Amino acid sequence: MSKTAAILITFFLGGLGVHRFMAGKIGTGILWLLTAGCFGIGWLVDFIKVCVGSFKKKDGTPWVTE
């Protein structure tokens, strides 16, 4: 996934956990969905991780490709 697409998805749909579902992290995706991104704190952490390129998929590979 391109960095721009990942940033946009995380920014607009991150509170619903969409980025976590897409990365294969179903359990935390459900948690994000039920708690609005862990009350915004988890969403912010994930958004920063996506921006700097350190957000990983469930298998440990980078979610964002340059």
PDB file of N, CA and C in Angstrom:
ATOM      1  N   MET A   1       0.846  -1.166   0.000  1.00  0.00           N
ATOM      2  CA  MET A   1       0.000   0.000   0.000  1.00  0.00           C
ATOM      3  C   MET A   1       0.894   1.232   0.000  1.00  0.00           C
ATOM      4  N   SER A   2       0.482   2.243  -0.736  1.00  0.00           N
ATOM      5  CA  SER A   2       1.279   3.466  -0.790  1.00  0.00           C
ATOM      6  C   SER A   2       1.172   4.213   0.538  1.00  0.00           C
ATOM      7  N   LYS A   3       2.162   5.016   0.821  1.00  0.00           N
ATOM      8  CA  LYS A   3       2.195   5.758   2.072  1.00  0.00           C
ATOM      9  C   LYS A   3       1.034   6.750   2.142  1.00  0.00           C
ATOM     10  N   THR A   4       0.735   7.403   1.020  1.00  0.00           N
ATOM     11  CA  THR A   4      -0.359   8.373   0.996  1.00  0.00           C
ATOM     12  C   THR A   4      -1.694   7.705   1.304  1.00  0.00           C
ATOM     13  N   ALA A   5      -1.958   6.568   0.676  1.00  0.00           N
ATOM     14  CA  ALA A   5      -3.211   5.846   0.927  1.00  0.00           C
ATOM     15  C   ALA A   5      -3.291   5.392   2.380  1.00  0.00           C
ATOM     16  N   ALA A   6      -2.192   4.894   2.915  1.00  0.00           N
ATOM     17  CA  ALA A   6      -2.172   4.427   4.303  1.00  0.00           C
ATOM     18  C   ALA A   6      -2.443   5.572   5.273  1.00  0.00           C
ATOM     19  N   ILE A   7      -1.847   6.726   5.017  1.00  0.00           N
ATOM     20  CA  ILE A   7      -2.062   7.889   5.884  1.00  0.00           C
ATOM     21  C   ILE A   7      -3.516   8.331   5.827  1.00  0.00           C
ATOM     22  N   LEU A   8      -4.087   8.388   4.630  1.00  0.00           N
ATOM     23  CA  LEU A   8      -5.484   8.812   4.492  1.00  0.00           C
ATOM     24  C   LEU A   8      -6.444   7.831   5.161  1.00  0.00           C
ATOM     25  N   ILE A   9      -6.214   6.540   4.966  1.00  0.00           N
ATOM     26  CA  ILE A   9      -7.073   5.526   5.594  1.00  0.00           C
ATOM     27  C   ILE A   9      -6.981   5.619   7.110  1.00  0.00           C
ATOM     28  N   THR A  10      -5.765   5.747   7.624  1.00  0.00           N
ATOM     29  CA  THR A  10      -5.588   5.814   9.073  1.00  0.00           C
ATOM     30  C   THR A  10      -6.185   7.092   9.643  1.00  0.00           C
ATOM     31  N   PHE A  11      -6.015   8.211   8.949  1.00  0.00           N
ATOM     32  CA  PHE A  11      -6.530   9.483   9.452  1.00  0.00           C
ATOM     33  C   PHE A  11      -8.059   9.491   9.497  1.00  0.00           C
ATOM     34  N   PHE A  12      -8.687   9.082   8.393  1.00  0.00           N
ATOM     35  CA  PHE A  12     -10.141   9.184   8.310  1.00  0.00           C
ATOM     36  C   PHE A  12     -10.895   7.993   8.902  1.00  0.00           C
ATOM     37  N   LEU A  13     -10.317   6.801   8.844  1.00  0.00           N
ATOM     38  CA  LEU A  13     -11.017   5.606   9.312  1.00  0.00           C
ATOM     39  C   LEU A  13     -10.317   4.898  10.470  1.00  0.00           C
ATOM     40  N   GLY A  14      -9.241   5.490  10.968  1.00  0.00           N
ATOM     41  CA  GLY A  14      -8.472   4.864  12.042  1.00  0.00           C
ATOM     42  C   GLY A  14      -9.236   4.696  13.337  1.00  0.00           C
ATOM     43  N   GLY A  15     -10.131   5.619  13.636  1.00  0.00           N
ATOM     44  CA  GLY A  15     -10.933   5.509  14.847  1.00  0.00           C
ATOM     45  C   GLY A  15     -11.863   4.313  14.830  1.00  0.00           C
ATOM     46  N   LEU A  16     -12.151   3.815  13.638  1.00  0.00           N
ATOM     47  CA  LEU A  16     -12.993   2.625  13.494  1.00  0.00           C
ATOM     48  C   LEU A  16     -12.166   1.352  13.371  1.00  0.00           C
ATOM     49  N   GLY A  17     -10.851   1.488  13.348  1.00  0.00           N
ATOM     50  CA  GLY A  17      -9.972   0.327  13.282  1.00  0.00           C
ATOM     51  C   GLY A  17      -9.782  -0.259  11.898  1.00  0.00           C
ATOM     52  N   VAL A  18     -10.207   0.449  10.857  1.00  0.00           N
ATOM     53  CA  VAL A  18     -10.121  -0.082   9.495  1.00  0.00           C
ATOM     54  C   VAL A  18      -8.680  -0.438   9.132  1.00  0.00           C
ATOM     55  N   HIS A  19      -7.730   0.406   9.506  1.00  0.00           N
ATOM     56  CA  HIS A  19      -6.328   0.138   9.175  1.00  0.00           C
ATOM     57  C   HIS A  19      -5.835  -1.138   9.852  1.00  0.00           C
ATOM     58  N   ARG A  20      -6.331  -1.423  11.042  1.00  0.00           N
ATOM     59  CA  ARG A  20      -5.924  -2.642  11.745  1.00  0.00           C
ATOM     60  C   ARG A  20      -6.529  -3.880  11.099  1.00  0.00           C
ATOM     61  N   PHE A  21      -7.783  -3.793  10.667  1.00  0.00           N
ATOM     62  CA  PHE A  21      -8.388  -4.912   9.935  1.00  0.00           C
ATOM     63  C   PHE A  21      -7.613  -5.171   8.648  1.00  0.00           C
ATOM     64  N   MET A  22      -7.241  -4.119   7.932  1.00  0.00           N
ATOM     65  CA  MET A  22      -6.503  -4.264   6.674  1.00  0.00           C
ATOM     66  C   MET A  22      -5.117  -4.860   6.892  1.00  0.00           C
ATOM     67  N   ALA A  23      -4.534  -4.617   8.062  1.00  0.00           N
ATOM     68  CA  ALA A  23      -3.208  -5.152   8.378  1.00  0.00           C
ATOM     69  C   ALA A  23      -3.290  -6.566   8.954  1.00  0.00           C
ATOM     70  N   GLY A  24      -4.493  -7.116   9.062  1.00  0.00           N
ATOM     71  CA  GLY A  24      -4.657  -8.477   9.564  1.00  0.00           C
ATOM     72  C   GLY A  24      -4.746  -8.579  11.072  1.00  0.00           C
ATOM     73  N   LYS A  25      -4.835  -7.457  11.754  1.00  0.00           N
ATOM     74  CA  LYS A  25      -4.914  -7.443  13.215  1.00  0.00           C
ATOM     75  C   LYS A  25      -6.386  -7.353  13.629  1.00  0.00           C
ATOM     76  N   ILE A  26      -7.085  -8.476  13.492  1.00  0.00           N
ATOM     77  CA  ILE A  26      -8.533  -8.506  13.688  1.00  0.00           C
ATOM     78  C   ILE A  26      -8.926  -8.196  15.135  1.00  0.00           C
ATOM     79  N   GLY A  27      -8.225  -8.770  16.094  1.00  0.00           N
ATOM     80  CA  GLY A  27      -8.548  -8.551  17.505  1.00  0.00           C
ATOM     81  C   GLY A  27      -8.457  -7.094  17.910  1.00  0.00           C
ATOM     82  N   THR A  28      -7.355  -6.446  17.565  1.00  0.00           N
ATOM     83  CA  THR A  28      -7.230  -5.030  17.916  1.00  0.00           C
ATOM     84  C   THR A  28      -8.109  -4.165  17.021  1.00  0.00           C
ATOM     85  N   GLY A  29      -8.435  -4.653  15.835  1.00  0.00           N
ATOM     86  CA  GLY A  29      -9.382  -3.932  14.987  1.00  0.00           C
ATOM     87  C   GLY A  29     -10.746  -3.842  15.651  1.00  0.00           C
ATOM     88  N   ILE A  30     -11.176  -4.951  16.239  1.00  0.00           N
ATOM     89  CA  ILE A  30     -12.452  -4.962  16.963  1.00  0.00           C
ATOM     90  C   ILE A  30     -12.375  -4.047  18.181  1.00  0.00           C
ATOM     91  N   LEU A  31     -11.254  -4.088  18.895  1.00  0.00           N
ATOM     92  CA  LEU A  31     -11.063  -3.208  20.053  1.00  0.00           C
ATOM     93  C   LEU A  31     -11.140  -1.744  19.635  1.00  0.00           C
ATOM     94  N   TRP A  32     -10.465  -1.387  18.538  1.00  0.00           N
ATOM     95  CA  TRP A  32     -10.482  -0.005  18.035  1.00  0.00           C
ATOM     96  C   TRP A  32     -11.911   0.382  17.646  1.00  0.00           C
ATOM     97  N   LEU A  33     -12.637  -0.539  17.030  1.00  0.00           N
ATOM     98  CA  LEU A  33     -14.011  -0.276  16.604  1.00  0.00           C
ATOM     99  C   LEU A  33     -14.920  -0.005  17.804  1.00  0.00           C
ATOM    100  N   LEU A  34     -14.757  -0.777  18.859  1.00  0.00           N
ATOM    101  CA  LEU A  34     -15.621  -0.644  20.036  1.00  0.00           C
ATOM    102  C   LEU A  34     -15.250   0.522  20.945  1.00  0.00           C
ATOM    103  N   THR A  35     -13.984   0.972  20.892  1.00  0.00           N
ATOM    104  CA  THR A  35     -13.534   2.029  21.808  1.00  0.00           C
ATOM    105  C   THR A  35     -13.118   3.308  21.093  1.00  0.00           C
ATOM    106  N   ALA A  36     -13.467   3.421  19.812  1.00  0.00           N
ATOM    107  CA  ALA A  36     -13.096   4.602  19.015  1.00  0.00           C
ATOM    108  C   ALA A  36     -11.582   4.812  19.048  1.00  0.00           C
ATOM    109  N   GLY A  37     -10.866   3.772  18.708  1.00  0.00           N
ATOM    110  CA  GLY A  37      -9.404   3.876  18.646  1.00  0.00           C
ATOM    111  C   GLY A  37      -8.768   4.015  20.009  1.00  0.00           C
ATOM    112  N   CYS A  38      -9.265   3.253  20.969  1.00  0.00           N
ATOM    113  CA  CYS A  38      -8.795   3.342  22.369  1.00  0.00           C
ATOM    114  C   CYS A  38      -8.869   4.785  22.862  1.00  0.00           C
ATOM    115  N   PHE A  39     -10.032   5.361  22.643  1.00  0.00           N
ATOM    116  CA  PHE A  39     -10.353   6.711  23.099  1.00  0.00           C
ATOM    117  C   PHE A  39      -9.457   7.772  22.461  1.00  0.00           C
ATOM    118  N   GLY A  40      -9.004   7.503  21.256  1.00  0.00           N
ATOM    119  CA  GLY A  40      -8.214   8.466  20.496  1.00  0.00           C
ATOM    120  C   GLY A  40      -6.720   8.342  20.686  1.00  0.00           C
ATOM    121  N   ILE A  41      -6.294   7.778  21.785  1.00  0.00           N
ATOM    122  CA  ILE A  41      -4.858   7.667  22.055  1.00  0.00           C
ATOM    123  C   ILE A  41      -4.223   6.621  21.143  1.00  0.00           C
ATOM    124  N   GLY A  42      -4.845   5.466  21.033  1.00  0.00           N
ATOM    125  CA  GLY A  42      -4.328   4.414  20.155  1.00  0.00           C
ATOM    126  C   GLY A  42      -4.335   4.843  18.702  1.00  0.00           C
ATOM    127  N   TRP A  43      -5.392   5.576  18.308  1.00  0.00           N
ATOM    128  CA  TRP A  43      -5.468   6.083  16.941  1.00  0.00           C
ATOM    129  C   TRP A  43      -4.299   7.017  16.657  1.00  0.00           C
ATOM    130  N   LEU A  44      -4.004   7.921  17.592  1.00  0.00           N
ATOM    131  CA  LEU A  44      -2.909   8.872  17.399  1.00  0.00           C
ATOM    132  C   LEU A  44      -1.569   8.152  17.295  1.00  0.00           C
ATOM    133  N   VAL A  45      -1.347   7.169  18.147  1.00  0.00           N
ATOM    134  CA  VAL A  45      -0.101   6.391  18.099  1.00  0.00           C
ATOM    135  C   VAL A  45       0.022   5.676  16.757  1.00  0.00           C
ATOM    136  N   ASP A  46      -1.059   5.037  16.314  1.00  0.00           N
ATOM    137  CA  ASP A  46      -1.031   4.344  15.025  1.00  0.00           C
ATOM    138  C   ASP A  46      -0.820   5.318  13.876  1.00  0.00           C
ATOM    139  N   PHE A  47      -1.448   6.479  13.934  1.00  0.00           N
ATOM    140  CA  PHE A  47      -1.285   7.478  12.876  1.00  0.00           C
ATOM    141  C   PHE A  47       0.177   7.907  12.765  1.00  0.00           C
ATOM    142  N   ILE A  48       0.818   8.147  13.887  1.00  0.00           N
ATOM    143  CA  ILE A  48       2.239   8.524  13.882  1.00  0.00           C
ATOM    144  C   ILE A  48       3.084   7.378  13.337  1.00  0.00           C
ATOM    145  N   LYS A  49       2.782   6.144  13.755  1.00  0.00           N
ATOM    146  CA  LYS A  49       3.537   4.985  13.262  1.00  0.00           C
ATOM    147  C   LYS A  49       3.385   4.821  11.754  1.00  0.00           C
ATOM    148  N   VAL A  50       2.192   5.059  11.228  1.00  0.00           N
ATOM    149  CA  VAL A  50       1.988   4.974   9.780  1.00  0.00           C
ATOM    150  C   VAL A  50       2.772   6.081   9.080  1.00  0.00           C
ATOM    151  N   CYS A  51       2.754   7.283   9.631  1.00  0.00           N
ATOM    152  CA  CYS A  51       3.464   8.414   9.017  1.00  0.00           C
ATOM    153  C   CYS A  51       4.970   8.181   8.945  1.00  0.00           C
ATOM    154  N   VAL A  52       5.547   7.564   9.967  1.00  0.00           N
ATOM    155  CA  VAL A  52       6.996   7.329   9.963  1.00  0.00           C
ATOM    156  C   VAL A  52       7.366   5.979   9.364  1.00  0.00           C
ATOM    157  N   GLY A  53       6.346   5.166   9.035  1.00  0.00           N
ATOM    158  CA  GLY A  53       6.598   3.895   8.361  1.00  0.00           C
ATOM    159  C   GLY A  53       6.909   2.723   9.266  1.00  0.00           C
ATOM    160  N   SER A  54       6.561   2.810  10.548  1.00  0.00           N
ATOM    161  CA  SER A  54       6.876   1.706  11.460  1.00  0.00           C
ATOM    162  C   SER A  54       5.663   0.842  11.813  1.00  0.00           C
ATOM    163  N   PHE A  55       4.501   1.106  11.220  1.00  0.00           N
ATOM    164  CA  PHE A  55       3.313   0.277  11.469  1.00  0.00           C
ATOM    165  C   PHE A  55       3.471  -1.025  10.696  1.00  0.00           C
ATOM    166  N   LYS A  56       3.312  -2.153  11.384  1.00  0.00           N
ATOM    167  CA  LYS A  56       3.540  -3.473  10.783  1.00  0.00           C
ATOM    168  C   LYS A  56       2.241  -4.254  10.642  1.00  0.00           C
ATOM    169  N   LYS A  57       2.224  -5.158   9.669  1.00  0.00           N
ATOM    170  CA  LYS A  57       1.110  -6.091   9.522  1.00  0.00           C
ATOM    171  C   LYS A  57       1.249  -7.181  10.578  1.00  0.00           C
ATOM    172  N   LYS A  58       0.254  -8.039  10.655  1.00  0.00           N
ATOM    173  CA  LYS A  58       0.260  -9.109  11.656  1.00  0.00           C
ATOM    174  C   LYS A  58       1.486 -10.004  11.522  1.00  0.00           C
ATOM    175  N   ASP A  59       1.942 -10.239  10.295  1.00  0.00           N
ATOM    176  CA  ASP A  59       3.099 -11.115  10.080  1.00  0.00           C
ATOM    177  C   ASP A  59       4.440 -10.414  10.282  1.00  0.00           C
ATOM    178  N   GLY A  60       4.413  -9.137  10.672  1.00  0.00           N
ATOM    179  CA  GLY A  60       5.643  -8.406  10.961  1.00  0.00           C
ATOM    180  C   GLY A  60       6.228  -7.634   9.797  1.00  0.00           C
ATOM    181  N   THR A  61       5.633  -7.758   8.624  1.00  0.00           N
ATOM    182  CA  THR A  61       6.128  -7.005   7.470  1.00  0.00           C
ATOM    183  C   THR A  61       5.534  -5.599   7.484  1.00  0.00           C
ATOM    184  N   PRO A  62       6.220  -4.646   6.876  1.00  0.00           N
ATOM    185  CA  PRO A  62       5.704  -3.266   6.856  1.00  0.00           C
ATOM    186  C   PRO A  62       4.370  -3.171   6.117  1.00  0.00           C
ATOM    187  N   TRP A  63       3.451  -2.386   6.654  1.00  0.00           N
ATOM    188  CA  TRP A  63       2.156  -2.178   6.023  1.00  0.00           C
ATOM    189  C   TRP A  63       2.278  -1.186   4.875  1.00  0.00           C
ATOM    190  N   VAL A  64       3.189  -0.240   5.014  1.00  0.00           N
ATOM    191  CA  VAL A  64       3.382   0.806   4.010  1.00  0.00           C
ATOM    192  C   VAL A  64       4.599   0.470   3.161  1.00  0.00           C
ATOM    193  N   THR A  65       4.427   0.551   1.856  1.00  0.00           N
ATOM    194  CA  THR A  65       5.558   0.396   0.942  1.00  0.00           C
ATOM    195  C   THR A  65       5.878   1.750   0.346  1.00  0.00           C
ATOM    196  N   GLU A  66       7.130   2.020   0.233  1.00  0.00           N
ATOM    197  CA  GLU A  66       7.565   3.324  -0.307  1.00  0.00           C
ATOM    198  C   GLU A  66       7.396   3.384  -1.792  1.00  0.00           C
TER     199      GLU A  66
END
